[in-house]
Amino acid sequence: MKTILIQAGILYILLAGVIAPPLPAAAAPVDHSIYGDLLENYVEDGVVDYAGFQRAEDRLDRYLEILENTDVKKLSRNERFAFYTNAYNAWTIKLILTEYPDIDSIKDLGGFFTSPWEKEFVRINNDVVTLDHIEHDILRPEFNDPRVHFAINCAAESCPPLRSEPYVGSRLDQQLDDATRSFINDPQENYLKGDKLYVSRIFKWFSEDFEDDIIGFFIEYAEGNFKKKLKARENDLDVKYLDYDWSLND
């Protein structure tokens, strides 16, 4: 009887291995190397050399084709997050190049009734979508991470600076943290004066993403003396929003 049970168990295991569907193979990380070279050559301290990108626009187009032909559903969560962040930034550069150097701001590229972020020109996932779609229908709701606001770049002076490297799934958390800390601790973008904390207008536009606790978010990512002052005055601070400079980040 014992032998029969053992044989039955072995048979079950063998059959299960045959019948059970194989696990889907994880897609390899997206090759962002072309984009990485472009960023290294044409972005320095957040300042973008659009003329340089224009000279190398054929390479930018090749990278955009890579994104267009990527099956995003097969990517891991971090790879998807990095993918859409890079897509937003790279397609924003492409948008600027359509009229550069004859523009002073990305807002110059909007229509009479539409903003540039509502233009359907982004080819992705077998579809043509807008920059707004990537930001508000994918990045913000799917990943629910306020650090995204310091990773995507809207080509404006007051926007958190474009990194000189692409985002990658394997280092995404560190990259997002670095981008957030760099922006939070930049005294040209955010600063404390008396009992008032002056912050980027991003925190007003997307207050819900920061759980309506901007001071708490600043305390989490502030460093050094700035952090000490924030913690000491935490309960007495008023938040003030700075004007946003939409001039081109070139």
Foldseek 3Di string as FASTA:
>chain_A
DVVVVVVVVVVVVVVCVVPPDDDDDADDQQDCPLVLVQLLVAADPQFGPLVSCLVVVVSLVVSLVSQLPDPLVRHDPLSNLLSLQVLLQSVLSVQCSVDPPPDFFQQVSADPPGGQQADQDRRHPNGTGGSCCSVPVPNCPPVLAVLSQLRHANQFPLGNGHDSGGATSVCNVVVSLVSVLVQLADVVAWDDDDQETEHECVCVVPVVSVVVQVLVVSLVRYDDPRNVVSVVNVPRHDYHYDDGTRTGSD
